[in-house]
Structure formats: structure tokens, C-alpha cells
Amino acid sequence: MGLNKETAARLADARLAEWQRVSYGEWRAMLDDKDVCQVVGEDGKRYSVVSYALDDGDGRIRMVVAVDDGGWSAFVPLVRDEIMMPDGTFVE
């Protein structure tokens, strides 16, 4: 059985929602860091949730969240991202 994409997407979206509540400065602080956590999904499977920030140019910061279940999905995880502008707004 492969990655449960619905569960993985919910985990990624929840992590991005957490980051949407913090400031631009906190996003900038993530540029040299990576957050890795293990989460048990609603399906009872263990997922790795990796969050990191990338400099997207012109002051924009891209927060990326990748989710996998430790199987083959570790090679091609489900990925979601958001881009924050220097003024704290998000690119739609």
C-alpha cells in the first residue's frame, strides 16, 4: 500500500497553517534550519514531516513541507509550500 495522500496532505497543510501564524522574521530564522518531526496520522501510520525555508529571491521566503511514510514515498514525498513576502503577506 502506498502513501495515503489525503492524510499526508492534511498533515502538510496543518504544518503550513502553523507557519502562517508566525512573522516574517521567524520565517527568515528558518533559512538555516530544518524541522523534522514524526507524526501519527489519523490512519494510524507514522509519517515524517519535514519543514524548511528557502530564499525565494527579492526578500521572499518559501516554506516547504514534505511528508512521507517511510516507505517508497521517502524518495518522492508529498510536498506543499507557501511563499511569504517581506511585508508578511502570502503569494496567492
C-alpha atoms as a PDB file:
ATOM      1  CA  MET A   1       0.000   0.000   0.000  1.00  0.00           C
ATOM      2  CA  GLY A   2       1.457   3.410  -0.868  1.00  0.00           C
ATOM      3  CA  LEU A   3       1.409   6.763   0.773  1.00  0.00           C
ATOM      4  CA  ASN A   4      -2.038   7.838   1.909  1.00  0.00           C
ATOM      5  CA  LYS A   5      -2.003  11.138   0.014  1.00  0.00           C
ATOM      6  CA  GLU A   6      -5.099  12.529   1.723  1.00  0.00           C
ATOM      7  CA  THR A   7      -3.623  12.031   5.186  1.00  0.00           C
ATOM      8  CA  ALA A   8      -0.213  13.306   4.076  1.00  0.00           C
ATOM      9  CA  ALA A   9      -1.816  16.410   2.532  1.00  0.00           C
ATOM     10  CA  ARG A  10      -3.725  17.148   5.736  1.00  0.00           C
ATOM     11  CA  LEU A  11      -0.507  16.860   7.763  1.00  0.00           C
ATOM     12  CA  ALA A  12       1.361  19.157   5.359  1.00  0.00           C
ATOM     13  CA  ASP A  13      -1.465  21.699   5.289  1.00  0.00           C
ATOM     14  CA  ALA A  14      -1.671  21.681   9.094  1.00  0.00           C
ATOM     15  CA  ARG A  15       2.067  22.377   9.354  1.00  0.00           C
ATOM     16  CA  LEU A  16       1.817  25.233   6.851  1.00  0.00           C
ATOM     17  CA  ALA A  17      -1.144  26.644   8.787  1.00  0.00           C
ATOM     18  CA  GLU A  18       1.077  26.766  11.894  1.00  0.00           C
ATOM     19  CA  TRP A  19       3.730  28.693   9.954  1.00  0.00           C
ATOM     20  CA  GLN A  20       1.147  31.114   8.539  1.00  0.00           C
ATOM     21  CA  ARG A  21       0.620  32.405  12.064  1.00  0.00           C
ATOM     22  CA  VAL A  22       4.250  33.474  12.621  1.00  0.00           C
ATOM     23  CA  SER A  23       6.162  36.524  11.478  1.00  0.00           C
ATOM     24  CA  TYR A  24       8.398  37.103   8.507  1.00  0.00           C
ATOM     25  CA  GLY A  25      11.364  37.263  10.905  1.00  0.00           C
ATOM     26  CA  GLU A  26      10.612  33.779  12.190  1.00  0.00           C
ATOM     27  CA  TRP A  27      10.442  32.500   8.615  1.00  0.00           C
ATOM     28  CA  ARG A  28      13.846  34.136   7.934  1.00  0.00           C
ATOM     29  CA  ALA A  29      15.239  32.394  11.023  1.00  0.00           C
ATOM     30  CA  MET A  30      14.315  29.042   9.447  1.00  0.00           C
ATOM     31  CA  LEU A  31      16.567  29.668   6.410  1.00  0.00           C
ATOM     32  CA  ASP A  32      19.476  27.840   8.033  1.00  0.00           C
ATOM     33  CA  ASP A  33      17.417  25.203   9.791  1.00  0.00           C
ATOM     34  CA  LYS A  34      15.175  22.235   9.160  1.00  0.00           C
ATOM     35  CA  ASP A  35      12.387  20.944  11.379  1.00  0.00           C
ATOM     36  CA  VAL A  36      11.789  17.182  11.308  1.00  0.00           C
ATOM     37  CA  CYS A  37       9.079  15.505  13.331  1.00  0.00           C
ATOM     38  CA  GLN A  38       7.323  12.168  13.421  1.00  0.00           C
ATOM     39  CA  VAL A  39       3.536  12.310  13.480  1.00  0.00           C
ATOM     40  CA  VAL A  40       0.944   9.568  13.706  1.00  0.00           C
ATOM     41  CA  GLY A  41      -1.734  10.215  11.106  1.00  0.00           C
ATOM     42  CA  GLU A  42      -5.432   9.618  11.526  1.00  0.00           C
ATOM     43  CA  ASP A  43      -4.898   6.328   9.690  1.00  0.00           C
ATOM     44  CA  GLY A  44      -2.571   5.127  12.479  1.00  0.00           C
ATOM     45  CA  LYS A  45       0.563   5.234  10.287  1.00  0.00           C
ATOM     46  CA  ARG A  46       3.696   7.105  11.271  1.00  0.00           C
ATOM     47  CA  TYR A  47       4.683   9.992   8.966  1.00  0.00           C
ATOM     48  CA  SER A  48       7.818  12.105   8.744  1.00  0.00           C
ATOM     49  CA  VAL A  49       7.001  15.794   8.384  1.00  0.00           C
ATOM     50  CA  VAL A  50       9.957  17.906   7.265  1.00  0.00           C
ATOM     51  CA  SER A  51       9.703  21.722   7.177  1.00  0.00           C
ATOM     52  CA  TYR A  52      12.341  24.074   5.832  1.00  0.00           C
ATOM     53  CA  ALA A  53      12.613  27.555   4.386  1.00  0.00           C
ATOM     54  CA  LEU A  54      14.268  28.652   1.148  1.00  0.00           C
ATOM     55  CA  ASP A  55      15.269  32.124  -0.001  1.00  0.00           C
ATOM     56  CA  ASP A  56      12.983  32.661  -2.995  1.00  0.00           C
ATOM     57  CA  GLY A  57      14.662  35.904  -4.091  1.00  0.00           C
ATOM     58  CA  ASP A  58      13.695  39.575  -3.696  1.00  0.00           C
ATOM     59  CA  GLY A  59      13.101  39.023   0.024  1.00  0.00           C
ATOM     60  CA  ARG A  60      10.509  36.277  -0.489  1.00  0.00           C
ATOM     61  CA  ILE A  61      10.759  33.167   1.656  1.00  0.00           C
ATOM     62  CA  ARG A  62       9.339  29.820   0.591  1.00  0.00           C
ATOM     63  CA  MET A  63       8.335  27.460   3.390  1.00  0.00           C
ATOM     64  CA  VAL A  64       8.325  23.870   2.170  1.00  0.00           C
ATOM     65  CA  VAL A  65       6.729  20.911   3.942  1.00  0.00           C
ATOM     66  CA  ALA A  66       7.447  17.369   2.754  1.00  0.00           C
ATOM     67  CA  VAL A  67       5.574  14.360   4.150  1.00  0.00           C
ATOM     68  CA  ASP A  68       6.384  10.676   3.714  1.00  0.00           C
ATOM     69  CA  ASP A  69       5.505   7.426   5.433  1.00  0.00           C
ATOM     70  CA  GLY A  70       9.000   5.932   5.478  1.00  0.00           C
ATOM     71  CA  GLY A  71       8.343   3.608   2.540  1.00  0.00           C
ATOM     72  CA  TRP A  72       8.903   4.404  -1.108  1.00  0.00           C
ATOM     73  CA  SER A  73       7.327   7.792  -0.511  1.00  0.00           C
ATOM     74  CA  ALA A  74      10.576   8.828   1.212  1.00  0.00           C
ATOM     75  CA  PHE A  75      12.030   9.107  -2.300  1.00  0.00           C
ATOM     76  CA  VAL A  76       9.083  11.150  -3.618  1.00  0.00           C
ATOM     77  CA  PRO A  77       7.298  12.739  -0.656  1.00  0.00           C
ATOM     78  CA  LEU A  78       4.120  14.764  -0.838  1.00  0.00           C
ATOM     79  CA  VAL A  79       5.207  18.428  -0.896  1.00  0.00           C
ATOM     80  CA  ARG A  80       3.299  21.612  -0.120  1.00  0.00           C
ATOM     81  CA  ASP A  81       4.688  25.138   0.059  1.00  0.00           C
ATOM     82  CA  GLU A  82       3.819  28.764   0.808  1.00  0.00           C
ATOM     83  CA  ILE A  83       5.662  31.960  -0.093  1.00  0.00           C
ATOM     84  CA  MET A  84       5.771  34.924   2.257  1.00  0.00           C
ATOM     85  CA  MET A  85       6.621  38.430   1.067  1.00  0.00           C
ATOM     86  CA  PRO A  86       8.775  40.766   3.215  1.00  0.00           C
ATOM     87  CA  ASP A  87       5.613  42.663   4.247  1.00  0.00           C
ATOM     88  CA  GLY A  88       4.171  39.457   5.776  1.00  0.00           C
ATOM     89  CA  THR A  89       1.634  38.755   3.033  1.00  0.00           C
ATOM     90  CA  PHE A  90       1.446  35.479   1.159  1.00  0.00           C
ATOM     91  CA  VAL A  91       1.723  34.922  -2.575  1.00  0.00           C
ATOM     92  CA  GLU A  92      -1.574  33.538  -3.872  1.00  0.00           C
END
